Protein backbone atom coordinates (compact mmCIF):
# COMPACT_ATOMS: atom_id res chain seq x y z
CA UNK A 1 -3.83 19.83 -5.84
CA UNK A 2 -2.68 16.83 -8.31
CA UNK A 3 -3.32 15.00 -11.55
CA UNK A 4 -7.09 13.90 -10.00
CA UNK A 5 -8.47 16.99 -8.96
CA UNK A 6 -12.34 17.39 -9.58
CA UNK A 7 -12.76 13.13 -8.38
CA UNK A 8 -15.11 12.46 -6.27
CA UNK A 9 -15.03 9.74 -3.67
CA UNK A 10 -16.64 7.96 -1.26
CA UNK A 11 -14.75 5.55 1.12
CA UNK A 12 -16.92 3.25 3.55
CA UNK A 13 -14.66 3.19 6.46
CA UNK A 14 -12.37 0.06 6.86
CA UNK A 15 -9.19 -1.45 7.82
CA UNK A 16 -5.84 -1.57 5.66
CA UNK A 17 -5.71 -1.90 2.00
CA UNK A 18 -9.54 -0.05 1.33
CA UNK A 19 -7.33 2.80 2.99
CA UNK A 20 -4.86 2.81 1.36
CA UNK A 21 -6.50 2.92 -2.07
CA UNK A 22 -8.24 6.00 -1.19
CA UNK A 23 -5.08 7.81 1.02
CA UNK A 24 -3.24 6.85 -2.86
CA UNK A 25 -6.13 8.60 -4.64
CA UNK A 26 -5.91 11.02 -2.19
CA UNK A 27 -2.57 12.08 -2.15
CA UNK A 28 -2.98 12.67 -5.86
CA UNK A 29 -6.20 15.02 -5.64
CA UNK A 30 -8.98 13.52 -5.20
CA UNK A 31 -11.66 14.62 -2.89
CA UNK A 32 -12.37 11.80 -0.53
CA UNK A 33 -15.34 11.32 1.67
CA UNK A 34 -15.29 8.80 4.00
CA UNK A 35 -18.19 7.19 6.30
CA UNK A 36 -17.47 6.15 9.34
CA UNK A 37 -19.49 4.11 12.09
CA UNK A 38 -21.90 6.62 14.38
CA UNK A 39 -19.95 4.52 17.27
CA UNK A 40 -16.59 5.48 16.28
CA UNK A 41 -17.38 9.58 16.38
CA UNK A 42 -15.68 10.67 20.13
CA UNK A 43 -13.20 7.90 20.09
CA UNK A 44 -9.56 8.30 19.89
CA UNK A 45 -8.18 8.36 15.69
CA UNK A 46 -5.47 7.31 15.00
CA UNK A 47 -4.72 5.97 11.92
CA UNK A 48 -3.19 9.52 10.29
CA UNK A 49 -1.47 7.81 7.40
CA UNK A 50 -4.16 6.12 5.97
CA UNK A 51 -7.10 8.92 6.71
CA UNK A 52 -5.69 12.14 5.81
CA UNK A 53 -6.30 14.15 2.88
CA UNK A 54 -10.45 13.49 3.64
CA UNK A 55 -13.06 14.20 5.66
CA UNK A 56 -15.68 11.74 7.41
CA UNK A 57 -19.19 11.78 7.76
CA UNK A 58 -20.54 9.48 10.53
CA UNK A 59 -23.51 7.67 8.80
CA UNK A 60 -25.18 4.65 10.63
CA UNK A 61 -26.12 2.08 7.17
CA UNK A 62 -27.74 -0.12 9.35
CA UNK A 63 -30.27 2.75 9.64
CA UNK A 64 -32.25 2.59 6.46
CA UNK A 65 -32.73 6.77 6.55
CA UNK A 66 -28.62 6.21 6.83
CA UNK A 67 -28.09 4.20 4.30
CA UNK A 68 -30.00 6.72 1.89
CA UNK A 69 -27.99 9.51 3.07
CA UNK A 70 -24.89 7.70 2.04
CA UNK A 71 -27.07 6.70 -1.38
CA UNK A 72 -27.09 10.65 -2.20
CA UNK A 73 -23.56 10.86 -1.24
CA UNK A 74 -22.94 8.02 -3.60
CA UNK A 75 -25.27 9.65 -6.07
CA UNK A 76 -22.77 12.40 -6.93
CA UNK A 77 -19.45 10.26 -6.52
CA UNK A 78 -17.04 9.43 -9.83
CA UNK A 79 -15.51 6.34 -7.23
CA UNK A 80 -17.05 4.42 -4.00
CA UNK A 81 -14.25 1.88 -2.28
CA UNK A 82 -15.54 -0.47 -0.12
CA UNK A 83 -14.07 -2.99 1.82
CA UNK A 84 -15.89 -5.83 2.49
CA UNK A 85 -16.98 -9.21 2.96
CA UNK A 86 -18.64 -10.32 -0.28
CA UNK A 87 -22.91 -9.75 0.57
CA UNK A 88 -22.63 -7.07 2.87
CA UNK A 89 -22.80 -3.97 1.16
CA UNK A 90 -25.52 -5.38 -0.94
CA UNK A 91 -27.76 -6.17 2.42
CA UNK A 92 -26.97 -2.47 3.64
CA UNK A 93 -28.88 -1.91 -0.09
CA UNK A 94 -25.89 -0.54 -1.10
CA UNK A 95 -24.26 -2.98 -3.08
CA UNK A 96 -23.40 -3.17 -7.04
CA UNK A 97 -26.58 -2.99 -8.65
CA UNK A 98 -28.53 -0.69 -6.48
CA UNK A 99 -25.67 1.83 -6.64
CA UNK A 100 -24.86 1.97 -10.53
CA UNK A 101 -28.40 2.00 -10.85
CA UNK A 102 -28.97 5.33 -8.86
CA UNK A 103 -25.55 6.36 -11.15
CA UNK A 104 -24.51 4.20 -13.84
CA UNK A 105 -21.58 6.21 -13.83
CA UNK A 106 -19.90 5.06 -10.64
CA UNK A 107 -16.70 3.60 -10.21
CA UNK A 108 -17.43 0.59 -7.59
CA UNK A 109 -14.08 -0.97 -6.03
CA UNK A 110 -14.65 -3.69 -3.84
CA UNK A 111 -11.36 -4.78 -1.66
CA UNK A 112 -11.63 -8.02 -0.19
CA UNK A 113 -8.69 -11.08 0.59
CA UNK A 114 -10.00 -13.61 -1.20
CA UNK A 115 -12.16 -11.62 -4.18
CA UNK A 116 -15.83 -12.15 -4.70
CA UNK A 117 -15.98 -15.33 -5.74
CA UNK A 118 -14.02 -18.70 -4.89
CA UNK A 119 -14.90 -21.05 -1.95
CA UNK A 120 -12.97 -18.88 0.57
CA UNK A 121 -14.62 -15.57 -0.33
CA UNK A 122 -16.34 -15.27 2.77
CA UNK A 123 -13.34 -16.76 4.61
CA UNK A 124 -11.92 -14.72 7.55
CA UNK A 125 -7.95 -13.74 6.54
CA UNK A 126 -5.24 -11.14 7.38
CA UNK A 127 -2.71 -10.49 4.41
CA UNK A 128 0.21 -13.21 6.23
CA UNK A 129 -2.61 -15.52 4.99
CA UNK A 130 -3.20 -14.08 1.77
CA UNK A 131 0.64 -14.17 0.63
CA UNK A 132 0.91 -17.72 1.99
CA UNK A 133 -1.97 -18.85 -0.53
CA UNK A 134 -0.06 -16.20 -3.45
CA UNK A 135 3.29 -18.56 -3.00
CA UNK A 136 5.31 -15.35 -1.65
CA UNK A 137 5.59 -16.33 2.05
CA UNK A 138 7.20 -19.35 1.03
CA UNK A 139 9.95 -18.09 -1.31
CA UNK A 140 11.02 -15.57 1.36
CA UNK A 141 13.29 -16.28 3.83
CA UNK A 142 16.71 -18.72 4.16
CA UNK A 143 17.75 -21.73 3.65
CA UNK A 144 17.71 -22.89 6.92
CA UNK A 145 15.10 -20.98 9.20
CA UNK A 146 11.16 -21.00 8.18
CA UNK A 147 9.27 -17.84 5.51
CA UNK A 148 9.97 -14.44 6.76
CA UNK A 149 6.71 -12.53 7.06
CA UNK A 150 7.40 -9.55 4.73
CA UNK A 151 5.24 -7.13 6.75
CA UNK A 152 2.09 -6.18 5.90
CA UNK A 153 3.70 -4.82 2.14
CA UNK A 154 2.56 -7.71 0.20
CA UNK A 155 -1.27 -8.53 0.59
CA UNK A 156 -2.72 -4.78 2.29
CA UNK A 157 -0.38 -2.97 0.25
CA UNK A 158 1.04 -4.03 -3.00
CA UNK A 159 -1.03 -6.34 -4.04
CA UNK A 160 -4.49 -5.39 -2.65
CA UNK A 161 -4.86 -0.93 -2.12
CA UNK A 162 -2.57 -0.37 -4.60
CA UNK A 163 -4.33 -2.76 -7.07
CA UNK A 164 -7.08 -1.60 -6.29
CA UNK A 165 -6.37 2.22 -7.20
CA UNK A 166 -5.15 1.34 -10.56
CA UNK A 167 -8.33 -1.10 -11.42
CA UNK A 168 -10.16 2.39 -10.15
CA UNK A 169 -7.85 4.79 -12.75
CA UNK A 170 -8.86 2.12 -15.59
CA UNK A 171 -12.18 1.61 -15.18
CA UNK A 172 -12.74 5.72 -14.46
CA UNK A 173 -10.77 5.61 -17.82
CA UNK A 174 -13.30 3.27 -19.24
CA UNK A 175 -16.00 4.92 -18.36
CA UNK A 176 -14.45 8.28 -20.67
CA UNK A 177 -14.76 6.24 -24.05
CA UNK A 178 -17.93 4.20 -22.41
CA UNK A 179 -20.14 6.90 -20.54
CA UNK A 180 -20.46 3.71 -17.89
CA UNK A 181 -19.09 3.24 -14.68
CA UNK A 182 -18.25 -0.94 -13.38
CA UNK A 183 -17.16 -3.04 -10.48
CA UNK A 184 -13.56 -3.48 -9.90
CA UNK A 185 -13.36 -6.47 -8.11
CA UNK A 186 -9.54 -6.17 -6.06
CA UNK A 187 -8.32 -9.51 -4.04
CA UNK A 188 -5.40 -9.69 -2.05
CA UNK A 189 -4.72 -12.79 -3.26
CA UNK A 190 -5.14 -11.49 -7.20
CA UNK A 191 -2.32 -8.74 -6.95
CA UNK A 192 0.50 -11.14 -4.39
CA UNK A 193 0.13 -13.54 -7.85
CA UNK A 194 0.44 -10.30 -10.08
CA UNK A 195 3.25 -9.31 -7.73
CA UNK A 196 4.96 -13.42 -8.41
CA UNK A 197 4.80 -13.53 -12.00
CA UNK A 198 7.79 -13.74 -12.54
CA UNK A 199 9.31 -16.05 -9.60
CA UNK A 200 5.78 -18.20 -11.26
CA UNK A 201 7.59 -18.70 -14.53
CA UNK A 202 11.43 -18.90 -13.55
CA UNK A 203 9.68 -21.89 -11.31
CA UNK A 204 8.42 -23.40 -14.45
CA UNK A 205 11.44 -22.45 -16.75
CA UNK A 206 13.48 -25.22 -13.82
CA UNK A 207 15.65 -21.45 -13.28
CA UNK A 208 14.38 -20.79 -9.69
CA UNK A 209 14.73 -22.97 -6.95
CA UNK A 210 11.53 -23.91 -4.21
CA UNK A 211 14.59 -23.72 -1.32
CA UNK A 212 14.27 -20.08 -0.18
CA UNK A 213 17.43 -17.87 0.24
CA UNK A 214 19.23 -19.86 -3.13
CA UNK A 215 18.57 -18.08 -5.46
CA UNK A 216 20.03 -15.06 -6.64
CA UNK A 217 17.28 -13.03 -6.47
CA UNK A 218 16.50 -13.53 -2.44
CA UNK A 219 19.31 -13.66 -1.06
CA UNK A 220 21.04 -17.12 -2.39
CA UNK A 221 24.27 -14.75 -4.10
CA UNK A 222 27.05 -12.87 -2.54
CA UNK A 223 26.30 -10.15 -5.15
CA UNK A 224 22.71 -9.15 -4.17
CA UNK A 225 22.15 -10.28 -0.15
CA UNK A 226 22.78 -7.87 3.12
CA UNK A 227 25.40 -8.61 5.81
CA UNK A 228 26.24 -8.05 8.94
CA UNK A 229 28.84 -4.96 9.58
CA UNK A 230 31.34 -4.87 13.15
CA UNK A 231 28.82 -2.56 14.51
CA UNK A 232 26.10 -4.86 14.65
CA UNK A 233 24.66 -2.91 11.92
CA UNK A 234 24.12 -4.21 7.64
CA UNK A 235 24.33 -3.48 4.27
CA UNK A 236 23.64 -4.52 0.55
CA UNK A 237 24.49 -5.07 -2.43
CA UNK A 238 22.35 -5.26 -5.57
CA UNK A 239 25.55 -5.70 -7.92
CA UNK A 240 23.83 -7.88 -10.55
CA UNK A 241 25.74 -6.82 -13.52
CA UNK A 242 29.52 -7.74 -14.52
CA UNK A 243 30.80 -3.96 -13.81
CA UNK A 244 28.86 -3.85 -10.76
CA UNK A 245 30.34 -6.81 -9.07
CA UNK A 246 34.13 -5.71 -10.31
CA UNK A 247 33.24 -2.57 -8.28
CA UNK A 248 31.94 -4.34 -5.22
CA UNK A 249 34.69 -6.70 -4.96
CA UNK A 250 37.31 -4.54 -6.07
CA UNK A 251 36.22 -1.64 -3.59
CA UNK A 252 36.41 -4.63 -0.66
CA UNK A 253 40.14 -5.00 -1.07
CA UNK A 254 39.28 -8.60 -3.49
CA UNK A 255 40.50 -8.71 -7.31
CA UNK A 256 37.64 -10.08 -8.55
CA UNK A 257 39.42 -12.88 -10.77
CA UNK A 258 39.20 -14.71 -7.89
CA UNK A 259 35.88 -14.71 -7.90
CA UNK A 260 35.63 -17.11 -11.00
CA UNK A 261 31.55 -18.27 -11.87
CA UNK A 262 29.79 -15.28 -10.44
CA UNK A 263 26.78 -16.76 -11.55
CA UNK A 264 27.49 -20.54 -10.57
CA UNK A 265 24.82 -21.30 -7.50
CA UNK A 266 27.42 -23.46 -5.74
CA UNK A 267 30.33 -21.93 -5.45
CA UNK A 268 27.88 -18.78 -3.61
CA UNK A 269 28.26 -19.69 -0.67
CA UNK A 270 31.96 -20.10 -0.30
CA UNK A 271 31.98 -16.14 -1.36
CA UNK A 272 29.17 -15.15 1.13
CA UNK A 273 31.54 -16.16 2.97
CA UNK A 274 34.53 -14.33 2.24
CA UNK A 275 32.72 -11.08 1.97
CA UNK A 276 30.40 -11.42 5.73
CA UNK A 277 34.07 -11.66 7.42
CA UNK A 278 35.54 -9.18 5.67
CA UNK A 279 32.64 -6.60 6.12
CA UNK A 280 32.18 -7.79 9.50
CA UNK A 281 35.52 -5.83 10.10
CA UNK A 282 34.56 -2.41 9.65
CA UNK A 283 31.13 -0.14 11.02
CA UNK A 284 28.30 0.64 8.63
CA UNK A 285 29.00 4.36 8.46
CA UNK A 286 32.90 3.44 6.96
CA UNK A 287 31.84 1.03 4.78
CA UNK A 288 29.16 3.96 2.86
CA UNK A 289 32.45 5.94 3.25
CA UNK A 290 34.21 3.53 1.02
CA UNK A 291 31.71 3.38 -1.54
CA UNK A 292 30.93 6.27 -1.88
CA UNK A 293 30.40 7.54 -5.07
CA UNK A 294 30.89 3.43 -6.06
CA UNK A 295 28.82 2.28 -8.97
CA UNK A 296 28.68 -1.11 -6.66
CA UNK A 297 24.94 -0.93 -6.75
CA UNK A 298 25.56 -0.69 -2.88
CA UNK A 299 22.80 0.91 -0.45
CA UNK A 300 23.28 0.99 3.97
CA UNK A 301 20.18 -0.85 5.20
CA UNK A 302 18.72 1.83 7.37
CA UNK A 303 15.92 1.65 10.55
CA UNK A 304 12.79 3.40 9.93
CA UNK A 305 14.18 6.38 12.83
CA UNK A 306 17.57 7.55 9.95
CA UNK A 307 15.20 7.15 7.07
CA UNK A 308 13.93 10.67 6.74
CA UNK A 309 17.18 12.15 7.44
CA UNK A 310 18.96 10.80 4.84
CA UNK A 311 20.70 13.61 2.02
CA UNK A 312 18.51 11.42 -0.69
CA UNK A 313 15.75 12.24 0.73
CA UNK A 314 16.01 14.62 2.15
CA UNK A 315 17.14 16.66 -1.54
CA UNK A 316 13.39 14.62 -2.69
CA UNK A 317 11.13 16.42 -0.34
CA UNK A 318 10.20 12.31 -0.02
CA UNK A 319 8.90 13.15 3.82
CA UNK A 320 6.87 15.90 4.85
CA UNK A 321 5.78 17.37 8.58
CA UNK A 322 2.28 17.18 9.17
CA UNK A 323 0.41 17.60 13.12
CA UNK A 324 4.09 16.79 14.36
CA UNK A 325 4.32 13.35 12.32
CA UNK A 326 7.06 12.64 9.74
CA UNK A 327 4.88 11.07 7.30
CA UNK A 328 6.06 10.10 3.29
CA UNK A 329 5.43 12.60 0.54
CA UNK A 330 2.36 11.98 -2.32
CA UNK A 331 4.35 9.80 -4.67
CA UNK A 332 4.87 10.16 -7.61
CA UNK A 333 5.59 13.25 -9.28
CA UNK A 334 3.97 15.19 -12.13
CA UNK A 335 5.44 17.84 -14.17
CA UNK A 336 2.39 19.96 -14.87
CA UNK A 337 -0.29 19.06 -11.90
CA UNK A 338 2.00 18.72 -8.63
CA UNK A 339 0.27 16.95 -5.98
CA UNK A 340 -0.56 19.08 -2.97
CA UNK A 341 1.13 18.38 0.54
CA UNK A 342 -1.06 16.17 2.66
CA UNK A 343 -4.12 17.28 4.92
CA UNK A 344 -4.39 15.36 8.23
CA UNK A 345 -6.04 12.46 9.17
CA UNK A 346 -9.90 13.25 10.59
CA UNK A 347 -11.58 12.03 12.81
CA UNK A 348 -14.68 9.81 12.33
CA UNK A 349 -17.79 12.22 11.90
CA UNK A 350 -16.19 16.15 12.21
CA UNK A 351 -17.62 16.79 8.80
CA UNK A 352 -21.07 15.09 8.73
CA UNK A 353 -23.04 18.66 9.26
CA UNK A 354 -21.07 19.64 7.00
CA UNK A 355 -21.18 17.81 3.91
CA UNK A 356 -24.60 16.66 4.85
CA UNK A 357 -25.46 20.52 3.46
CA UNK A 358 -23.29 20.65 0.63
CA UNK A 359 -25.53 17.33 -0.92
CA UNK A 360 -28.81 19.74 0.41
CA UNK A 361 -30.16 18.53 3.07
CA UNK A 362 -31.72 21.31 5.65
CA UNK A 363 -30.52 22.20 8.95
CA UNK A 364 -33.48 20.73 10.48
CA UNK A 365 -33.17 17.24 8.30
CA UNK A 366 -29.67 16.93 9.98
CA UNK A 367 -30.82 17.75 13.10
CA UNK A 368 -33.34 14.86 13.07
CA UNK A 369 -30.81 12.67 11.35
CA UNK A 370 -28.90 13.56 14.29
CA UNK A 371 -31.13 13.14 16.59
CA UNK A 372 -32.12 9.48 15.67
CA UNK A 373 -28.99 8.26 15.06
CA UNK A 374 -28.92 7.95 11.50
CA UNK A 375 -25.83 10.08 11.13
CA UNK A 376 -23.63 11.20 14.14
CA UNK A 377 -20.93 14.17 14.91
CA UNK A 378 -18.50 15.14 17.31
CA UNK A 379 -20.62 17.07 19.58
CA UNK A 380 -23.98 15.09 19.33
CA UNK A 381 -21.85 12.91 20.63
CA UNK A 382 -20.89 14.23 23.75
């Protein structure tokens, strides 16, 4: 179910952004087959979210016979997703040139941190490094502390896997017009730079301070920040526009006239101090009652275990329960081609025999592959 029903994706098993991009496509209805390493067969597979809604085959890509099996799957695919460092797929005989020669309509998605070229292309890194080099890490924090790590949301997921999914869909649209596939070079540094675009522009225009926590979108302003409540929890305000600021201040017990020049940064520390003192006088849930139905751009800061139980998420069905785990539902929503619920995470190699049969291999061929280690399946792994 979903708008991508009928799309065939081969995913080379990896961690983080590549699987996230594949999950986005799978949630939207694409058929995703993940190629895992035989050494993973029989081991615990705990990546429930980034492994959901696809099947897994275990293939030894370093074995020429295994690489040939992978190439057959790729020959029938619309999309290939891989997340190795530049040159690895080429050494396996599965680089873009070979795959596109075998399947000219293939969209070849490459997910890396630094990109396919440049002086850092072949060096190691993780989300924090790509976020640091793109300027985002230095921009997130408070004036009196160092950079605050935004989990691995910016590079791995937003600037990585999501950008990969967008690139793949764009290349598929291009293929509709040209009949040809192409390579998608998705680099996390590029993706984070794209997410930071407005802030680069503001800085060049002199409208953004390099000191984190002193700008209106990074917690510097009294109307766009979080505040601690009497029970040690927090509430958030995003009252950027004047009418929302007035509602915010009025419901906090202030006269808005006592907060002149609300967009003047030099006034913000004083205003924040006054507001913080008031908010510390009640619990988070008490403030939720005060601002219920008020147009003040207010929301409680929820912990991970609180989020699924919020009435808004319940009403929208934002989370679904599967295999005893509460998971996010597929997004976005579609009117004519709704997405189905996610299926369980594939265990490495569990569909090896079934998939190879679907792709034309005879039982004796599959048995021979299993015996020689070119492919693997749980039963054979013991």
